[in-house]
Amino acid sequence: MALLMTEVFNEDIAVLVEANESGNKSHYIEGIFMQGDIKNRNGRMYPSNILEKEMNRYNEQFVKTKRALGELGHPDGPQINGDRASHLIIEMGRDGSDFIGKAKILGTPMGNIVKTFIDEGVKIGVSTRGLGSVKQSKDGIMEVQGDFHLATVDIVTDPSGPNCFVKGMMENTQYFFDMATSTWNQGTFDEPIVEEAVVQSVDMLLFNQAMDRLQMLEDTILTIKESFNKPSKKIDEQKALKMFESYVSTLRK
């Protein structure tokens, strides 16, 4: 199981408004999305090498495929809710220990709210949402481990009081991956959870296997969809069947 972690890395994000020849405006946010090698306000430290590795995965799987959606505010879990999507992350790169990102505000209900905030001068910030485990170092800092999995970067609207906001959203909640439904589900516990207990409960092998299987499923679905989107070519049913059987075989391991 893994800990849901939300962090406000930038409480004063830059906003950009661009107009085309027709006068239509496009809204963007840009700035530090993640920051490594420093102790944050939650007592945690994200090594830059771990953030870079996860940023590269996120860029390949989500940014380049235009699936890097974020939400306005933080939900209670790691999954992205399409009905709450407000922006699309279009760039993310490393600059020293800082990880700079850019996102386009969408014309969705939540995106339009963000656009109104920007037009009215409301101060907004960004906050990461991810899953992972932590380990306490000798100097007492809770260091995020190599299993960190970035879910997205959300927009937050209370940057003037980030400590209160983060404490309100930072529930020490555990999640497990349900292979049957391909979803992250919240665990149920009778006792309050502390971070040390969370670290002990994380099964790294099972977690990594679950993520590999999820990626295999996504790749299989994408390949099959691409086949259906090419009407000029006959779908190779045998190849599709073998791919599906290959994925099913991993569930029996």
C-alpha atoms as a PDB file:
ATOM      1  CA  MET A   1       0.000   0.000   0.000  1.00  0.00           C
ATOM      2  CA  ALA A   2       1.091   3.578  -0.613  1.00  0.00           C
ATOM      3  CA  LEU A   3       0.580   6.949   1.023  1.00  0.00           C
ATOM      4  CA  LEU A   4      -1.330   9.693  -0.814  1.00  0.00           C
ATOM      5  CA  MET A   5       0.841  12.806  -0.700  1.00  0.00           C
ATOM      6  CA  THR A   6      -0.071  16.340  -1.719  1.00  0.00           C
ATOM      7  CA  GLU A   7       2.473  19.155  -1.622  1.00  0.00           C
ATOM      8  CA  VAL A   8       2.213  22.874  -2.350  1.00  0.00           C
ATOM      9  CA  PHE A   9       5.509  23.559  -4.127  1.00  0.00           C
ATOM     10  CA  ASN A  10       4.549  26.919  -5.609  1.00  0.00           C
ATOM     11  CA  GLU A  11       2.071  29.228  -3.950  1.00  0.00           C
ATOM     12  CA  ASP A  12       2.477  32.048  -6.479  1.00  0.00           C
ATOM     13  CA  ILE A  13       2.382  30.648  -9.997  1.00  0.00           C
ATOM     14  CA  ALA A  14       2.827  32.911 -13.040  1.00  0.00           C
ATOM     15  CA  VAL A  15      -0.233  33.359 -15.255  1.00  0.00           C
ATOM     16  CA  LEU A  16      -0.174  34.096 -18.980  1.00  0.00           C
ATOM     17  CA  VAL A  17      -3.008  35.279 -21.210  1.00  0.00           C
ATOM     18  CA  GLU A  18      -2.520  35.128 -24.976  1.00  0.00           C
ATOM     19  CA  ALA A  19      -4.934  36.427 -27.627  1.00  0.00           C
ATOM     20  CA  ASN A  20      -5.070  35.276 -31.240  1.00  0.00           C
ATOM     21  CA  GLU A  21      -5.977  37.377 -34.277  1.00  0.00           C
ATOM     22  CA  SER A  22      -9.684  36.821 -33.611  1.00  0.00           C
ATOM     23  CA  GLY A  23      -9.329  38.149 -30.089  1.00  0.00           C
ATOM     24  CA  ASN A  24      -9.895  34.784 -28.415  1.00  0.00           C
ATOM     25  CA  LYS A  25      -7.851  34.436 -25.254  1.00  0.00           C
ATOM     26  CA  SER A  26      -5.906  31.408 -24.088  1.00  0.00           C
ATOM     27  CA  HIS A  27      -4.910  31.164 -20.426  1.00  0.00           C
ATOM     28  CA  TYR A  28      -1.768  29.442 -19.153  1.00  0.00           C
ATOM     29  CA  ILE A  29       0.041  28.947 -15.849  1.00  0.00           C
ATOM     30  CA  GLU A  30       3.813  28.538 -15.618  1.00  0.00           C
ATOM     31  CA  GLY A  31       6.365  28.106 -12.850  1.00  0.00           C
ATOM     32  CA  ILE A  32       7.861  25.634 -10.392  1.00  0.00           C
ATOM     33  CA  PHE A  33       5.684  22.510 -10.281  1.00  0.00           C
ATOM     34  CA  MET A  34       8.030  20.409  -8.112  1.00  0.00           C
ATOM     35  CA  GLN A  35      11.175  21.071  -6.083  1.00  0.00           C
ATOM     36  CA  GLY A  36      13.813  18.588  -4.964  1.00  0.00           C
ATOM     37  CA  ASP A  37      16.497  18.209  -2.297  1.00  0.00           C
ATOM     38  CA  ILE A  38      14.920  20.570   0.244  1.00  0.00           C
ATOM     39  CA  LYS A  39      12.770  19.915   3.295  1.00  0.00           C
ATOM     40  CA  ASN A  40       9.240  21.159   2.618  1.00  0.00           C
ATOM     41  CA  ARG A  41       6.659  22.460   5.066  1.00  0.00           C
ATOM     42  CA  ASN A  42       5.359  18.924   5.662  1.00  0.00           C
ATOM     43  CA  GLY A  43       8.775  17.744   6.830  1.00  0.00           C
ATOM     44  CA  ARG A  44       9.376  15.742   3.668  1.00  0.00           C
ATOM     45  CA  MET A  45      12.211  15.872   1.163  1.00  0.00           C
ATOM     46  CA  TYR A  46      11.975  14.741  -2.462  1.00  0.00           C
ATOM     47  CA  PRO A  47      15.372  13.734  -3.935  1.00  0.00           C
ATOM     48  CA  SER A  48      15.804  15.417  -7.323  1.00  0.00           C
ATOM     49  CA  ASN A  49      16.866  12.167  -9.007  1.00  0.00           C
ATOM     50  CA  ILE A  50      13.568  10.546  -7.989  1.00  0.00           C
ATOM     51  CA  LEU A  51      11.577  13.559  -9.208  1.00  0.00           C
ATOM     52  CA  GLU A  52      13.465  13.573 -12.522  1.00  0.00           C
ATOM     53  CA  LYS A  53      12.808   9.872 -13.073  1.00  0.00           C
ATOM     54  CA  GLU A  54       9.118  10.331 -12.369  1.00  0.00           C
ATOM     55  CA  MET A  55       8.928  13.502 -14.447  1.00  0.00           C
ATOM     56  CA  ASN A  56      10.388  11.627 -17.432  1.00  0.00           C
ATOM     57  CA  ARG A  57       7.792   8.865 -17.051  1.00  0.00           C
ATOM     58  CA  TYR A  58       4.990  11.414 -16.718  1.00  0.00           C
ATOM     59  CA  ASN A  59       6.198  13.321 -19.785  1.00  0.00           C
ATOM     60  CA  GLU A  60       6.300  10.174 -21.913  1.00  0.00           C
ATOM     61  CA  GLN A  61       2.999   8.660 -20.762  1.00  0.00           C
ATOM     62  CA  PHE A  62       0.883  11.749 -20.204  1.00  0.00           C
ATOM     63  CA  VAL A  63       2.308  15.084 -21.421  1.00  0.00           C
ATOM     64  CA  LYS A  64       3.318  13.836 -24.883  1.00  0.00           C
ATOM     65  CA  THR A  65       0.018  11.978 -25.301  1.00  0.00           C
ATOM     66  CA  LYS A  66      -2.013  15.004 -24.137  1.00  0.00           C
ATOM     67  CA  ARG A  67      -3.464  13.143 -21.152  1.00  0.00           C
ATOM     68  CA  ALA A  68      -1.758  15.178 -18.407  1.00  0.00           C
ATOM     69  CA  LEU A  69      -4.942  16.559 -16.862  1.00  0.00           C
ATOM     70  CA  GLY A  70      -5.056  18.329 -13.524  1.00  0.00           C
ATOM     71  CA  GLU A  71      -7.907  19.487 -11.318  1.00  0.00           C
ATOM     72  CA  LEU A  72      -8.989  22.579  -9.435  1.00  0.00           C
ATOM     73  CA  GLY A  73      -8.392  21.669  -5.795  1.00  0.00           C
ATOM     74  CA  HIS A  74      -7.411  18.235  -4.524  1.00  0.00           C
ATOM     75  CA  PRO A  75      -9.775  15.223  -4.554  1.00  0.00           C
ATOM     76  CA  ASP A  76      -9.598  12.489  -1.923  1.00  0.00           C
ATOM     77  CA  GLY A  77      -7.635  10.025  -4.058  1.00  0.00           C
ATOM     78  CA  PRO A  78      -4.983   9.685  -6.773  1.00  0.00           C
ATOM     79  CA  GLN A  79      -7.322   9.169  -9.705  1.00  0.00           C
ATOM     80  CA  ILE A  80      -8.063  12.002 -12.159  1.00  0.00           C
ATOM     81  CA  ASN A  81     -11.727  13.007 -12.293  1.00  0.00           C
ATOM     82  CA  GLY A  82     -12.594  14.124 -15.806  1.00  0.00           C
ATOM     83  CA  ASP A  83     -15.554  16.197 -14.645  1.00  0.00           C
ATOM     84  CA  ARG A  84     -13.245  18.244 -12.403  1.00  0.00           C
ATOM     85  CA  ALA A  85     -10.395  18.715 -14.899  1.00  0.00           C
ATOM     86  CA  SER A  86      -9.327  22.348 -15.207  1.00  0.00           C
ATOM     87  CA  HIS A  87      -6.033  22.301 -17.101  1.00  0.00           C
ATOM     88  CA  LEU A  88      -3.727  20.291 -19.356  1.00  0.00           C
ATOM     89  CA  ILE A  89      -0.020  20.162 -18.542  1.00  0.00           C
ATOM     90  CA  ILE A  90       1.859  20.778 -21.808  1.00  0.00           C
ATOM     91  CA  GLU A  91       5.474  21.113 -20.615  1.00  0.00           C
ATOM     92  CA  MET A  92       7.646  19.956 -17.740  1.00  0.00           C
ATOM     93  CA  GLY A  93      11.433  20.102 -17.463  1.00  0.00           C
ATOM     94  CA  ARG A  94      14.213  20.240 -14.892  1.00  0.00           C
ATOM     95  CA  ASP A  95      16.181  23.350 -13.946  1.00  0.00           C
ATOM     96  CA  GLY A  96      18.624  22.390 -11.202  1.00  0.00           C
ATOM     97  CA  SER A  97      16.538  21.195  -8.260  1.00  0.00           C
ATOM     98  CA  ASP A  98      13.436  22.898  -9.655  1.00  0.00           C
ATOM     99  CA  PHE A  99      11.013  21.258 -12.061  1.00  0.00           C
ATOM    100  CA  ILE A 100       9.370  23.881 -14.237  1.00  0.00           C
ATOM    101  CA  GLY A 101       5.992  23.243 -15.807  1.00  0.00           C
ATOM    102  CA  LYS A 102       3.460  24.944 -18.030  1.00  0.00           C
ATOM    103  CA  ALA A 103      -0.242  24.169 -18.332  1.00  0.00           C
ATOM    104  CA  LYS A 104      -3.069  25.392 -20.528  1.00  0.00           C
ATOM    105  CA  ILE A 105      -6.358  26.222 -18.826  1.00  0.00           C
ATOM    106  CA  LEU A 106      -9.211  24.295 -20.432  1.00  0.00           C
ATOM    107  CA  GLY A 107     -12.682  25.456 -21.428  1.00  0.00           C
ATOM    108  CA  THR A 108     -14.258  23.030 -18.947  1.00  0.00           C
ATOM    109  CA  PRO A 109     -16.522  24.143 -16.074  1.00  0.00           C
ATOM    110  CA  MET A 110     -13.588  24.021 -13.633  1.00  0.00           C
ATOM    111  CA  GLY A 111     -11.237  25.534 -16.209  1.00  0.00           C
ATOM    112  CA  ASN A 112     -13.588  28.451 -16.747  1.00  0.00           C
ATOM    113  CA  ILE A 113     -13.592  29.055 -13.007  1.00  0.00           C
ATOM    114  CA  VAL A 114      -9.785  29.232 -13.084  1.00  0.00           C
ATOM    115  CA  LYS A 115      -9.937  31.619 -16.058  1.00  0.00           C
ATOM    116  CA  THR A 116     -12.272  33.858 -14.072  1.00  0.00           C
ATOM    117  CA  PHE A 117      -9.859  33.772 -11.143  1.00  0.00           C
ATOM    118  CA  ILE A 118      -7.024  34.817 -13.444  1.00  0.00           C
ATOM    119  CA  ASP A 119      -9.031  37.601 -15.130  1.00  0.00           C
ATOM    120  CA  GLU A 120     -10.123  38.915 -11.739  1.00  0.00           C
ATOM    121  CA  GLY A 121      -6.608  38.848 -10.311  1.00  0.00           C
ATOM    122  CA  VAL A 122      -7.115  35.998  -7.852  1.00  0.00           C
ATOM    123  CA  LYS A 123      -3.829  34.556  -6.620  1.00  0.00           C
ATOM    124  CA  ILE A 124      -3.499  30.856  -7.465  1.00  0.00           C
ATOM    125  CA  GLY A 125      -0.869  28.194  -6.882  1.00  0.00           C
ATOM    126  CA  VAL A 126      -0.057  24.622  -7.844  1.00  0.00           C
ATOM    127  CA  SER A 127       0.222  21.468  -5.782  1.00  0.00           C
ATOM    128  CA  THR A 128       1.444  17.992  -6.692  1.00  0.00           C
ATOM    129  CA  ARG A 129      -0.569  14.836  -6.049  1.00  0.00           C
ATOM    130  CA  GLY A 130       1.161  11.470  -5.904  1.00  0.00           C
ATOM    131  CA  LEU A 131       1.588   8.093  -4.244  1.00  0.00           C
ATOM    132  CA  GLY A 132       4.658   6.757  -2.506  1.00  0.00           C
ATOM    133  CA  SER A 133       6.405   5.796   0.684  1.00  0.00           C
ATOM    134  CA  VAL A 134       8.719   7.706   2.998  1.00  0.00           C
ATOM    135  CA  LYS A 135      11.662   6.787   5.198  1.00  0.00           C
ATOM    136  CA  GLN A 136      13.005   8.803   8.097  1.00  0.00           C
ATOM    137  CA  SER A 137      16.629   9.860   7.768  1.00  0.00           C
ATOM    138  CA  LYS A 138      19.115  10.269  10.622  1.00  0.00           C
ATOM    139  CA  ASP A 139      18.343  13.992  10.850  1.00  0.00           C
ATOM    140  CA  GLY A 140      14.618  13.335  11.171  1.00  0.00           C
ATOM    141  CA  ILE A 141      13.590  14.310   7.637  1.00  0.00           C
ATOM    142  CA  MET A 142      11.016  12.043   5.998  1.00  0.00           C
ATOM    143  CA  GLU A 143      12.655  11.225   2.653  1.00  0.00           C
ATOM    144  CA  VAL A 144      10.390  10.195  -0.222  1.00  0.00           C
ATOM    145  CA  GLN A 145      11.438   6.844  -1.674  1.00  0.00           C
ATOM    146  CA  GLY A 146      11.977   5.590  -5.218  1.00  0.00           C
ATOM    147  CA  ASP A 147       8.421   4.235  -5.522  1.00  0.00           C
ATOM    148  CA  PHE A 148       7.020   7.782  -5.759  1.00  0.00           C
ATOM    149  CA  HIS A 149       4.340   7.917  -8.467  1.00  0.00           C
ATOM    150  CA  LEU A 150       3.239  11.354  -9.720  1.00  0.00           C
ATOM    151  CA  ALA A 151      -0.501  11.452 -10.386  1.00  0.00           C
ATOM    152  CA  THR A 152      -0.774  15.075 -11.516  1.00  0.00           C
ATOM    153  CA  VAL A 153      -0.224  18.718 -10.599  1.00  0.00           C
ATOM    154  CA  ASP A 154      -3.398  20.454  -9.431  1.00  0.00           C
ATOM    155  CA  ILE A 155      -4.341  24.117  -9.133  1.00  0.00           C
ATOM    156  CA  VAL A 156      -5.032  25.353  -5.613  1.00  0.00           C
ATOM    157  CA  THR A 157      -6.829  28.537  -4.683  1.00  0.00           C
ATOM    158  CA  ASP A 158      -5.659  29.221  -1.146  1.00  0.00           C
ATOM    159  CA  PRO A 159      -1.968  30.062  -1.535  1.00  0.00           C
ATOM    160  CA  SER A 160      -2.152  32.789   1.118  1.00  0.00           C
ATOM    161  CA  GLY A 161      -2.556  30.116   3.792  1.00  0.00           C
ATOM    162  CA  PRO A 162      -0.798  27.053   2.361  1.00  0.00           C
ATOM    163  CA  ASN A 163      -0.034  25.440   5.712  1.00  0.00           C
ATOM    164  CA  CYS A 164      -3.681  25.277   6.713  1.00  0.00           C
ATOM    165  CA  PHE A 165      -4.734  24.247   3.239  1.00  0.00           C
ATOM    166  CA  VAL A 166      -2.179  21.449   2.981  1.00  0.00           C
ATOM    167  CA  LYS A 167      -2.967  20.124   6.442  1.00  0.00           C
ATOM    168  CA  GLY A 168      -6.613  20.002   5.511  1.00  0.00           C
ATOM    169  CA  MET A 169      -5.880  18.002   2.360  1.00  0.00           C
ATOM    170  CA  MET A 170      -2.990  15.933   3.712  1.00  0.00           C
ATOM    171  CA  GLU A 171      -4.784  12.898   5.023  1.00  0.00           C
ATOM    172  CA  ASN A 172      -2.456  10.014   5.894  1.00  0.00           C
ATOM    173  CA  THR A 173      -4.578   7.697   3.800  1.00  0.00           C
ATOM    174  CA  GLN A 174      -3.462   4.386   2.343  1.00  0.00           C
ATOM    175  CA  TYR A 175      -4.455   3.132  -1.090  1.00  0.00           C
ATOM    176  CA  PHE A 176      -4.257  -0.230  -2.801  1.00  0.00           C
ATOM    177  CA  PHE A 177      -4.453  -1.017  -6.508  1.00  0.00           C
ATOM    178  CA  ASP A 178      -7.393  -3.246  -7.512  1.00  0.00           C
ATOM    179  CA  MET A 179      -6.352  -5.188 -10.619  1.00  0.00           C
ATOM    180  CA  ALA A 180      -9.946  -6.303 -11.290  1.00  0.00           C
ATOM    181  CA  THR A 181     -11.148  -2.734 -11.805  1.00  0.00           C
ATOM    182  CA  SER A 182      -7.781  -1.046 -12.592  1.00  0.00           C
ATOM    183  CA  THR A 183      -8.453   1.555  -9.915  1.00  0.00           C
ATOM    184  CA  TRP A 184      -6.842   2.839  -6.734  1.00  0.00           C
ATOM    185  CA  ASN A 185      -9.063   2.205  -3.710  1.00  0.00           C
ATOM    186  CA  GLN A 186      -8.839   3.634  -0.244  1.00  0.00           C
ATOM    187  CA  GLY A 187      -7.962   1.247   2.585  1.00  0.00           C
ATOM    188  CA  THR A 188      -9.995   0.964   5.773  1.00  0.00           C
ATOM    189  CA  PHE A 189      -8.221   1.081   9.132  1.00  0.00           C
ATOM    190  CA  ASP A 190      -9.423   1.152  12.720  1.00  0.00           C
ATOM    191  CA  GLU A 191      -6.396   2.982  14.114  1.00  0.00           C
ATOM    192  CA  PRO A 192      -4.961   6.372  13.090  1.00  0.00           C
ATOM    193  CA  ILE A 193      -2.171   6.012  10.536  1.00  0.00           C
ATOM    194  CA  VAL A 194       1.252   7.511  11.077  1.00  0.00           C
ATOM    195  CA  GLU A 195       3.872   7.782   8.371  1.00  0.00           C
ATOM    196  CA  GLU A 196       6.180   5.213  10.010  1.00  0.00           C
ATOM    197  CA  ALA A 197       3.368   2.639   9.909  1.00  0.00           C
ATOM    198  CA  VAL A 198       2.683   3.472   6.292  1.00  0.00           C
ATOM    199  CA  VAL A 199       6.271   2.722   5.343  1.00  0.00           C
ATOM    200  CA  GLN A 200       6.064  -0.718   6.927  1.00  0.00           C
ATOM    201  CA  SER A 201       2.830  -1.515   5.103  1.00  0.00           C
ATOM    202  CA  VAL A 202       4.170  -0.675   1.634  1.00  0.00           C
ATOM    203  CA  ASP A 203       4.899  -3.841  -0.333  1.00  0.00           C
ATOM    204  CA  MET A 204       7.345  -2.459  -2.885  1.00  0.00           C
ATOM    205  CA  LEU A 205       7.356  -5.564  -5.066  1.00  0.00           C
ATOM    206  CA  LEU A 206       3.574  -5.772  -5.332  1.00  0.00           C
ATOM    207  CA  PHE A 207       3.306  -2.017  -5.887  1.00  0.00           C
ATOM    208  CA  ASN A 208       5.803  -2.046  -8.753  1.00  0.00           C
ATOM    209  CA  GLN A 209       4.186  -5.142 -10.267  1.00  0.00           C
ATOM    210  CA  ALA A 210       0.795  -3.428 -10.148  1.00  0.00           C
ATOM    211  CA  MET A 211       2.166  -0.342 -11.895  1.00  0.00           C
ATOM    212  CA  ASP A 212       3.824  -2.498 -14.585  1.00  0.00           C
ATOM    213  CA  ARG A 213       0.572  -4.357 -15.200  1.00  0.00           C
ATOM    214  CA  LEU A 214      -1.391  -1.134 -15.369  1.00  0.00           C
ATOM    215  CA  GLN A 215       1.034   0.221 -17.959  1.00  0.00           C
ATOM    216  CA  MET A 216       0.767  -3.018 -19.955  1.00  0.00           C
ATOM    217  CA  LEU A 217      -3.016  -2.740 -19.918  1.00  0.00           C
ATOM    218  CA  GLU A 218      -2.880   0.902 -21.059  1.00  0.00           C
ATOM    219  CA  ASP A 219      -0.470   0.004 -23.883  1.00  0.00           C
ATOM    220  CA  THR A 220      -2.698  -2.880 -24.987  1.00  0.00           C
ATOM    221  CA  ILE A 221      -5.829  -0.716 -24.993  1.00  0.00           C
ATOM    222  CA  LEU A 222      -4.018   2.054 -26.892  1.00  0.00           C
ATOM    223  CA  THR A 223      -2.777  -0.382 -29.551  1.00  0.00           C
ATOM    224  CA  ILE A 224      -6.233  -1.881 -30.044  1.00  0.00           C
ATOM    225  CA  LYS A 225      -7.788   1.600 -30.276  1.00  0.00           C
ATOM    226  CA  GLU A 226      -5.224   2.623 -32.892  1.00  0.00           C
ATOM    227  CA  SER A 227      -6.147  -0.456 -34.915  1.00  0.00           C
ATOM    228  CA  PHE A 228      -9.824   0.527 -34.884  1.00  0.00           C
ATOM    229  CA  ASN A 229      -8.893   4.082 -35.945  1.00  0.00           C
ATOM    230  CA  LYS A 230      -7.329   2.761 -39.173  1.00  0.00           C
ATOM    231  CA  PRO A 231     -10.326   1.607 -41.292  1.00  0.00           C
ATOM    232  CA  SER A 232      -8.141   1.210 -44.374  1.00  0.00           C
ATOM    233  CA  LYS A 233      -6.357  -1.715 -42.788  1.00  0.00           C
ATOM    234  CA  LYS A 234      -7.885  -4.961 -41.624  1.00  0.00           C
ATOM    235  CA  ILE A 235      -7.567  -5.488 -37.867  1.00  0.00           C
ATOM    236  CA  ASP A 236      -5.188  -8.320 -37.002  1.00  0.00           C
ATOM    237  CA  GLU A 237      -7.526 -10.228 -34.686  1.00  0.00           C
ATOM    238  CA  GLN A 238      -4.924 -12.881 -33.903  1.00  0.00           C
ATOM    239  CA  LYS A 239      -2.382 -10.248 -32.863  1.00  0.00           C
ATOM    240  CA  ALA A 240      -4.947  -8.458 -30.694  1.00  0.00           C
ATOM    241  CA  LEU A 241      -5.926 -11.779 -29.084  1.00  0.00           C
ATOM    242  CA  LYS A 242      -2.299 -12.638 -28.319  1.00  0.00           C
ATOM    243  CA  MET A 243      -1.744  -9.230 -26.740  1.00  0.00           C
ATOM    244  CA  PHE A 244      -4.799  -9.656 -24.549  1.00  0.00           C
ATOM    245  CA  GLU A 245      -3.797 -13.200 -23.544  1.00  0.00           C
ATOM    246  CA  SER A 246      -0.304 -11.936 -22.714  1.00  0.00           C
ATOM    247  CA  TYR A 247      -1.766  -9.323 -20.387  1.00  0.00           C
ATOM    248  CA  VAL A 248      -4.163 -11.812 -18.756  1.00  0.00           C
ATOM    249  CA  SER A 249      -1.257 -14.182 -18.092  1.00  0.00           C
ATOM    250  CA  THR A 250       0.403 -11.512 -15.920  1.00  0.00           C
ATOM    251  CA  LEU A 251      -2.645 -11.456 -13.664  1.00  0.00           C
ATOM    252  CA  ARG A 252      -2.142 -15.109 -12.800  1.00  0.00           C
ATOM    253  CA  LYS A 253       1.390 -14.601 -11.512  1.00  0.00           C
END
